[in-house]
Each structure stands twice: as C-alpha cells, then as structure tokens.
Amino acid sequence: MSKFIEVTAGKKVLINTDEIACVEPSEDYKDGKEVCIITLIHTTKRHVEGRKFITKESYEEVKQMIIGTK
C-alpha cells in the first residue's frame, strides 16, 4: 500500500513516497531559508516522467515525514 506525505510547494501537495527518487537540502534563493527539493519519477508502460518540487519544509522535516515519525 502506498504512503503519501503532504508538503507545501506553493500550495499543499500530496506526494506518493513510492515515486520519490531523491530528497536533497537546499536554500531558498529569495530569503535564504532552508528548503527541500524532492525529485519524483513516475513510470508508465511507455513513458518515464520526472518532476521536481521545492518545498517550504526543511530537509529534516521531509525526511521525518517519509520515515513516518512525524
């Protein structure tokens, strides 16, 4: 069964943790706050699609959501 996390990427977004390829820390270029970049890969029979989300949550917060302790 798939697990979803809710993050803020401009608006609230539900992300299927099975589609997460990479989670990396970064800084917001506007105000220097810590943010997180989540890279998703979605595979179908004919296509592989990649998408990146820049979240307002920090890397540590997203990591804890994925692990399931938050």
PDB file of N, CA and C in Angstrom:
ATOM      1  N   MET A   1       0.836  -1.177   0.000  1.00  0.00           N
ATOM      2  CA  MET A   1       0.000   0.000   0.000  1.00  0.00           C
ATOM      3  C   MET A   1       0.886   1.248   0.000  1.00  0.00           C
ATOM      4  N   SER A   2       0.533   2.198  -0.792  1.00  0.00           N
ATOM      5  CA  SER A   2       1.317   3.422  -0.926  1.00  0.00           C
ATOM      6  C   SER A   2       1.142   4.334   0.279  1.00  0.00           C
ATOM      7  N   LYS A   3       2.211   5.046   0.591  1.00  0.00           N
ATOM      8  CA  LYS A   3       2.184   6.034   1.662  1.00  0.00           C
ATOM      9  C   LYS A   3       2.332   7.409   1.020  1.00  0.00           C
ATOM     10  N   PHE A   4       1.588   8.368   1.521  1.00  0.00           N
ATOM     11  CA  PHE A   4       1.638   9.729   0.993  1.00  0.00           C
ATOM     12  C   PHE A   4       2.094  10.685   2.084  1.00  0.00           C
ATOM     13  N   ILE A   5       2.823  11.727   1.666  1.00  0.00           N
ATOM     14  CA  ILE A   5       3.173  12.808   2.576  1.00  0.00           C
ATOM     15  C   ILE A   5       2.609  14.100   2.004  1.00  0.00           C
ATOM     16  N   GLU A   6       2.283  15.035   2.884  1.00  0.00           N
ATOM     17  CA  GLU A   6       1.759  16.334   2.453  1.00  0.00           C
ATOM     18  C   GLU A   6       2.827  17.393   2.680  1.00  0.00           C
ATOM     19  N   VAL A   7       3.206  18.070   1.606  1.00  0.00           N
ATOM     20  CA  VAL A   7       4.208  19.134   1.683  1.00  0.00           C
ATOM     21  C   VAL A   7       3.646  20.400   1.049  1.00  0.00           C
ATOM     22  N   THR A   8       4.306  21.512   1.317  1.00  0.00           N
ATOM     23  CA  THR A   8       3.895  22.795   0.750  1.00  0.00           C
ATOM     24  C   THR A   8       4.873  23.183  -0.346  1.00  0.00           C
ATOM     25  N   ALA A   9       4.384  23.194  -1.574  1.00  0.00           N
ATOM     26  CA  ALA A   9       5.194  23.597  -2.733  1.00  0.00           C
ATOM     27  C   ALA A   9       4.391  24.650  -3.489  1.00  0.00           C
ATOM     28  N   GLY A  10       4.303  25.837  -2.907  1.00  0.00           N
ATOM     29  CA  GLY A  10       3.414  26.865  -3.456  1.00  0.00           C
ATOM     30  C   GLY A  10       2.014  26.680  -2.908  1.00  0.00           C
ATOM     31  N   LYS A  11       1.515  25.457  -2.985  1.00  0.00           N
ATOM     32  CA  LYS A  11       0.252  25.050  -2.368  1.00  0.00           C
ATOM     33  C   LYS A  11       0.473  23.655  -1.799  1.00  0.00           C
ATOM     34  N   LYS A  12      -0.491  23.151  -1.049  1.00  0.00           N
ATOM     35  CA  LYS A  12      -0.355  21.824  -0.444  1.00  0.00           C
ATOM     36  C   LYS A  12      -0.381  20.757  -1.536  1.00  0.00           C
ATOM     37  N   VAL A  13       0.556  19.815  -1.454  1.00  0.00           N
ATOM     38  CA  VAL A  13       0.682  18.755  -2.448  1.00  0.00           C
ATOM     39  C   VAL A  13       0.828  17.423  -1.721  1.00  0.00           C
ATOM     40  N   LEU A  14       0.098  16.405  -2.188  1.00  0.00           N
ATOM     41  CA  LEU A  14       0.282  15.049  -1.676  1.00  0.00           C
ATOM     42  C   LEU A  14       1.271  14.334  -2.585  1.00  0.00           C
ATOM     43  N   ILE A  15       2.276  13.721  -1.995  1.00  0.00           N
ATOM     44  CA  ILE A  15       3.302  13.027  -2.769  1.00  0.00           C
ATOM     45  C   ILE A  15       3.334  11.564  -2.356  1.00  0.00           C
ATOM     46  N   ASN A  16       3.285  10.687  -3.357  1.00  0.00           N
ATOM     47  CA  ASN A  16       3.406   9.254  -3.135  1.00  0.00           C
ATOM     48  C   ASN A  16       4.879   8.948  -2.876  1.00  0.00           C
ATOM     49  N   THR A  17       5.184   8.390  -1.712  1.00  0.00           N
ATOM     50  CA  THR A  17       6.584   8.143  -1.363  1.00  0.00           C
ATOM     51  C   THR A  17       7.224   7.082  -2.255  1.00  0.00           C
ATOM     52  N   ASP A  18       6.432   6.233  -2.901  1.00  0.00           N
ATOM     53  CA  ASP A  18       6.983   5.232  -3.819  1.00  0.00           C
ATOM     54  C   ASP A  18       7.591   5.878  -5.063  1.00  0.00           C
ATOM     55  N   GLU A  19       7.189   7.106  -5.377  1.00  0.00           N
ATOM     56  CA  GLU A  19       7.679   7.782  -6.577  1.00  0.00           C
ATOM     57  C   GLU A  19       8.847   8.734  -6.294  1.00  0.00           C
ATOM     58  N   ILE A  20       9.279   8.824  -5.037  1.00  0.00           N
ATOM     59  CA  ILE A  20      10.382   9.719  -4.693  1.00  0.00           C
ATOM     60  C   ILE A  20      11.703   9.077  -5.104  1.00  0.00           C
ATOM     61  N   ALA A  21      12.447   9.791  -5.942  1.00  0.00           N
ATOM     62  CA  ALA A  21      13.754   9.309  -6.385  1.00  0.00           C
ATOM     63  C   ALA A  21      14.868   9.916  -5.546  1.00  0.00           C
ATOM     64  N   CYS A  22      14.682  11.164  -5.119  1.00  0.00           N
ATOM     65  CA  CYS A  22      15.754  11.874  -4.424  1.00  0.00           C
ATOM     66  C   CYS A  22      15.162  12.976  -3.546  1.00  0.00           C
ATOM     67  N   VAL A  23      15.753  13.157  -2.376  1.00  0.00           N
ATOM     68  CA  VAL A  23      15.397  14.254  -1.478  1.00  0.00           C
ATOM     69  C   VAL A  23      16.702  14.944  -1.108  1.00  0.00           C
ATOM     70  N   GLU A  24      16.777  16.247  -1.369  1.00  0.00           N
ATOM     71  CA  GLU A  24      18.027  16.951  -1.097  1.00  0.00           C
ATOM     72  C   GLU A  24      17.774  18.315  -0.462  1.00  0.00           C
ATOM     73  N   PRO A  25      18.642  18.712   0.465  1.00  0.00           N
ATOM     74  CA  PRO A  25      18.502  20.029   1.092  1.00  0.00           C
ATOM     75  C   PRO A  25      18.963  21.131   0.147  1.00  0.00           C
ATOM     76  N   SER A  26      18.394  22.309   0.325  1.00  0.00           N
ATOM     77  CA  SER A  26      18.777  23.466  -0.486  1.00  0.00           C
ATOM     78  C   SER A  26      18.413  24.728   0.281  1.00  0.00           C
ATOM     79  N   GLU A  27      18.697  25.887  -0.320  1.00  0.00           N
ATOM     80  CA  GLU A  27      18.318  27.174   0.264  1.00  0.00           C
ATOM     81  C   GLU A  27      17.413  27.907  -0.699  1.00  0.00           C
ATOM     82  N   ASP A  28      16.429  28.611  -0.147  1.00  0.00           N
ATOM     83  CA  ASP A  28      15.546  29.440  -0.961  1.00  0.00           C
ATOM     84  C   ASP A  28      16.352  30.618  -1.487  1.00  0.00           C
ATOM     85  N   TYR A  29      16.316  30.827  -2.787  1.00  0.00           N
ATOM     86  CA  TYR A  29      17.112  31.902  -3.382  1.00  0.00           C
ATOM     87  C   TYR A  29      16.599  33.287  -3.010  1.00  0.00           C
ATOM     88  N   LYS A  30      15.341  33.395  -2.560  1.00  0.00           N
ATOM     89  CA  LYS A  30      14.780  34.703  -2.207  1.00  0.00           C
ATOM     90  C   LYS A  30      15.201  35.156  -0.819  1.00  0.00           C
ATOM     91  N   ASP A  31      15.029  34.265   0.160  1.00  0.00           N
ATOM     92  CA  ASP A  31      15.283  34.693   1.537  1.00  0.00           C
ATOM     93  C   ASP A  31      16.331  33.861   2.276  1.00  0.00           C
ATOM     94  N   GLY A  32      16.928  32.891   1.626  1.00  0.00           N
ATOM     95  CA  GLY A  32      17.992  32.111   2.246  1.00  0.00           C
ATOM     96  C   GLY A  32      17.536  31.066   3.244  1.00  0.00           C
ATOM     97  N   LYS A  33      16.223  30.840   3.377  1.00  0.00           N
ATOM     98  CA  LYS A  33      15.724  29.829   4.304  1.00  0.00           C
ATOM     99  C   LYS A  33      15.994  28.433   3.754  1.00  0.00           C
ATOM    100  N   GLU A  34      16.115  27.483   4.687  1.00  0.00           N
ATOM    101  CA  GLU A  34      16.338  26.099   4.288  1.00  0.00           C
ATOM    102  C   GLU A  34      15.058  25.526   3.677  1.00  0.00           C
ATOM    103  N   VAL A  35      15.183  24.911   2.525  1.00  0.00           N
ATOM    104  CA  VAL A  35      14.066  24.249   1.852  1.00  0.00           C
ATOM    105  C   VAL A  35      14.521  22.850   1.449  1.00  0.00           C
ATOM    106  N   CYS A  36      13.638  22.114   0.817  1.00  0.00           N
ATOM    107  CA  CYS A  36      13.937  20.759   0.391  1.00  0.00           C
ATOM    108  C   CYS A  36      13.502  20.586  -1.061  1.00  0.00           C
ATOM    109  N   ILE A  37      14.322  19.920  -1.855  1.00  0.00           N
ATOM    110  CA  ILE A  37      13.967  19.615  -3.236  1.00  0.00           C
ATOM    111  C   ILE A  37      13.671  18.120  -3.318  1.00  0.00           C
ATOM    112  N   ILE A  38      12.457  17.789  -3.756  1.00  0.00           N
ATOM    113  CA  ILE A  38      12.045  16.396  -3.910  1.00  0.00           C
ATOM    114  C   ILE A  38      11.947  16.101  -5.399  1.00  0.00           C
ATOM    115  N   THR A  39      12.658  15.072  -5.840  1.00  0.00           N
ATOM    116  CA  THR A  39      12.603  14.648  -7.233  1.00  0.00           C
ATOM    117  C   THR A  39      11.751  13.387  -7.310  1.00  0.00           C
ATOM    118  N   LEU A  40      10.717  13.429  -8.156  1.00  0.00           N
ATOM    119  CA  LEU A  40       9.825  12.287  -8.343  1.00  0.00           C
ATOM    120  C   LEU A  40      10.060  11.661  -9.704  1.00  0.00           C
ATOM    121  N   ILE A  41       9.930  10.348  -9.775  1.00  0.00           N
ATOM    122  CA  ILE A  41       9.957   9.651 -11.059  1.00  0.00           C
ATOM    123  C   ILE A  41       8.713   8.783 -11.125  1.00  0.00           C
ATOM    124  N   HIS A  42       7.916   9.001 -12.167  1.00  0.00           N
ATOM    125  CA  HIS A  42       6.687   8.246 -12.392  1.00  0.00           C
ATOM    126  C   HIS A  42       6.865   7.439 -13.673  1.00  0.00           C
ATOM    127  N   THR A  43       6.674   6.137 -13.591  1.00  0.00           N
ATOM    128  CA  THR A  43       6.889   5.261 -14.736  1.00  0.00           C
ATOM    129  C   THR A  43       5.570   4.649 -15.189  1.00  0.00           C
ATOM    130  N   THR A  44       5.309   4.716 -16.492  1.00  0.00           N
ATOM    131  CA  THR A  44       4.171   4.022 -17.097  1.00  0.00           C
ATOM    132  C   THR A  44       4.739   3.013 -18.095  1.00  0.00           C
ATOM    133  N   LYS A  45       3.878   2.331 -18.835  1.00  0.00           N
ATOM    134  CA  LYS A  45       4.363   1.345 -19.802  1.00  0.00           C
ATOM    135  C   LYS A  45       5.210   1.973 -20.897  1.00  0.00           C
ATOM    136  N   ARG A  46       4.891   3.205 -21.278  1.00  0.00           N
ATOM    137  CA  ARG A  46       5.572   3.829 -22.409  1.00  0.00           C
ATOM    138  C   ARG A  46       6.454   5.014 -22.053  1.00  0.00           C
ATOM    139  N   HIS A  47       6.280   5.573 -20.870  1.00  0.00           N
ATOM    140  CA  HIS A  47       6.981   6.816 -20.544  1.00  0.00           C
ATOM    141  C   HIS A  47       7.556   6.778 -19.130  1.00  0.00           C
ATOM    142  N   VAL A  48       8.608   7.553 -18.960  1.00  0.00           N
ATOM    143  CA  VAL A  48       9.147   7.838 -17.635  1.00  0.00           C
ATOM    144  C   VAL A  48       9.139   9.354 -17.497  1.00  0.00           C
ATOM    145  N   GLU A  49       8.467   9.842 -16.456  1.00  0.00           N
ATOM    146  CA  GLU A  49       8.354  11.281 -16.246  1.00  0.00           C
ATOM    147  C   GLU A  49       9.065  11.658 -14.956  1.00  0.00           C
ATOM    148  N   GLY A  50       9.787  12.756 -14.998  1.00  0.00           N
ATOM    149  CA  GLY A  50      10.439  13.274 -13.809  1.00  0.00           C
ATOM    150  C   GLY A  50       9.879  14.638 -13.462  1.00  0.00           C
ATOM    151  N   ARG A  51       9.826  14.935 -12.185  1.00  0.00           N
ATOM    152  CA  ARG A  51       9.289  16.220 -11.738  1.00  0.00           C
ATOM    153  C   ARG A  51       9.983  16.597 -10.437  1.00  0.00           C
ATOM    154  N   LYS A  52      10.254  17.889 -10.255  1.00  0.00           N
ATOM    155  CA  LYS A  52      10.878  18.370  -9.021  1.00  0.00           C
ATOM    156  C   LYS A  52       9.935  19.312  -8.290  1.00  0.00           C
ATOM    157  N   PHE A  53       9.914  19.187  -6.975  1.00  0.00           N
ATOM    158  CA  PHE A  53       9.146  20.078  -6.113  1.00  0.00           C
ATOM    159  C   PHE A  53      10.108  20.737  -5.142  1.00  0.00           C
ATOM    160  N   ILE A  54       9.989  22.047  -4.993  1.00  0.00           N
ATOM    161  CA  ILE A  54      10.733  22.765  -3.962  1.00  0.00           C
ATOM    162  C   ILE A  54       9.738  23.043  -2.848  1.00  0.00           C
ATOM    163  N   THR A  55       9.981  22.472  -1.683  1.00  0.00           N
ATOM    164  CA  THR A  55       9.034  22.578  -0.579  1.00  0.00           C
ATOM    165  C   THR A  55       9.452  23.658   0.406  1.00  0.00           C
ATOM    166  N   LYS A  56       8.484  24.159   1.149  1.00  0.00           N
ATOM    167  CA  LYS A  56       8.783  25.118   2.214  1.00  0.00           C
ATOM    168  C   LYS A  56       9.309  24.401   3.452  1.00  0.00           C
ATOM    169  N   GLU A  57       9.036  23.105   3.556  1.00  0.00           N
ATOM    170  CA  GLU A  57       9.538  22.325   4.682  1.00  0.00           C
ATOM    171  C   GLU A  57      11.041  22.091   4.513  1.00  0.00           C
ATOM    172  N   SER A  58      11.729  21.920   5.623  1.00  0.00           N
ATOM    173  CA  SER A  58      13.172  21.665   5.568  1.00  0.00           C
ATOM    174  C   SER A  58      13.431  20.204   5.198  1.00  0.00           C
ATOM    175  N   TYR A  59      14.669  19.927   4.853  1.00  0.00           N
ATOM    176  CA  TYR A  59      15.090  18.567   4.511  1.00  0.00           C
ATOM    177  C   TYR A  59      14.803  17.608   5.660  1.00  0.00           C
ATOM    178  N   GLU A  60      15.139  18.018   6.887  1.00  0.00           N
ATOM    179  CA  GLU A  60      14.922  17.159   8.056  1.00  0.00           C
ATOM    180  C   GLU A  60      13.438  16.871   8.273  1.00  0.00           C
ATOM    181  N   GLU A  61      12.584  17.878   8.093  1.00  0.00           N
ATOM    182  CA  GLU A  61      11.138  17.679   8.254  1.00  0.00           C
ATOM    183  C   GLU A  61      10.611  16.683   7.223  1.00  0.00           C
ATOM    184  N   VAL A  62      11.037  16.825   5.977  1.00  0.00           N
ATOM    185  CA  VAL A  62      10.585  15.918   4.919  1.00  0.00           C
ATOM    186  C   VAL A  62      11.099  14.509   5.178  1.00  0.00           C
ATOM    187  N   LYS A  63      12.349  14.403   5.594  1.00  0.00           N
ATOM    188  CA  LYS A  63      12.929  13.090   5.894  1.00  0.00           C
ATOM    189  C   LYS A  63      12.137  12.388   6.992  1.00  0.00           C
ATOM    190  N   GLN A  64      11.763  13.125   8.043  1.00  0.00           N
ATOM    191  CA  GLN A  64      10.982  12.543   9.131  1.00  0.00           C
ATOM    192  C   GLN A  64       9.587  12.125   8.660  1.00  0.00           C
ATOM    193  N   MET A  65       8.980  12.906   7.759  1.00  0.00           N
ATOM    194  CA  MET A  65       7.668  12.536   7.213  1.00  0.00           C
ATOM    195  C   MET A  65       7.757  11.235   6.428  1.00  0.00           C
ATOM    196  N   ILE A  66       8.811  11.089   5.645  1.00  0.00           N
ATOM    197  CA  ILE A  66       8.982   9.881   4.836  1.00  0.00           C
ATOM    198  C   ILE A  66       9.219   8.666   5.722  1.00  0.00           C
ATOM    199  N   ILE A  67      10.053   8.833   6.739  1.00  0.00           N
ATOM    200  CA  ILE A  67      10.333   7.734   7.659  1.00  0.00           C
ATOM    201  C   ILE A  67       9.072   7.361   8.432  1.00  0.00           C
ATOM    202  N   GLY A  68       8.242   8.348   8.737  1.00  0.00           N
ATOM    203  CA  GLY A  68       6.976   8.071   9.399  1.00  0.00           C
ATOM    204  C   GLY A  68       6.917   8.454  10.850  1.00  0.00           C
ATOM    205  N   THR A  69       7.878   9.222  11.328  1.00  0.00           N
ATOM    206  CA  THR A  69       7.859   9.610  12.733  1.00  0.00           C
ATOM    207  C   THR A  69       7.194  10.949  12.950  1.00  0.00           C
ATOM    208  N   LYS A  70       6.703  11.577  11.881  1.00  0.00           N
ATOM    209  CA  LYS A  70       6.045  12.870  12.045  1.00  0.00           C
ATOM    210  C   LYS A  70       4.684  12.828  11.406  1.00  0.00           C
TER     211      LYS A  70
END
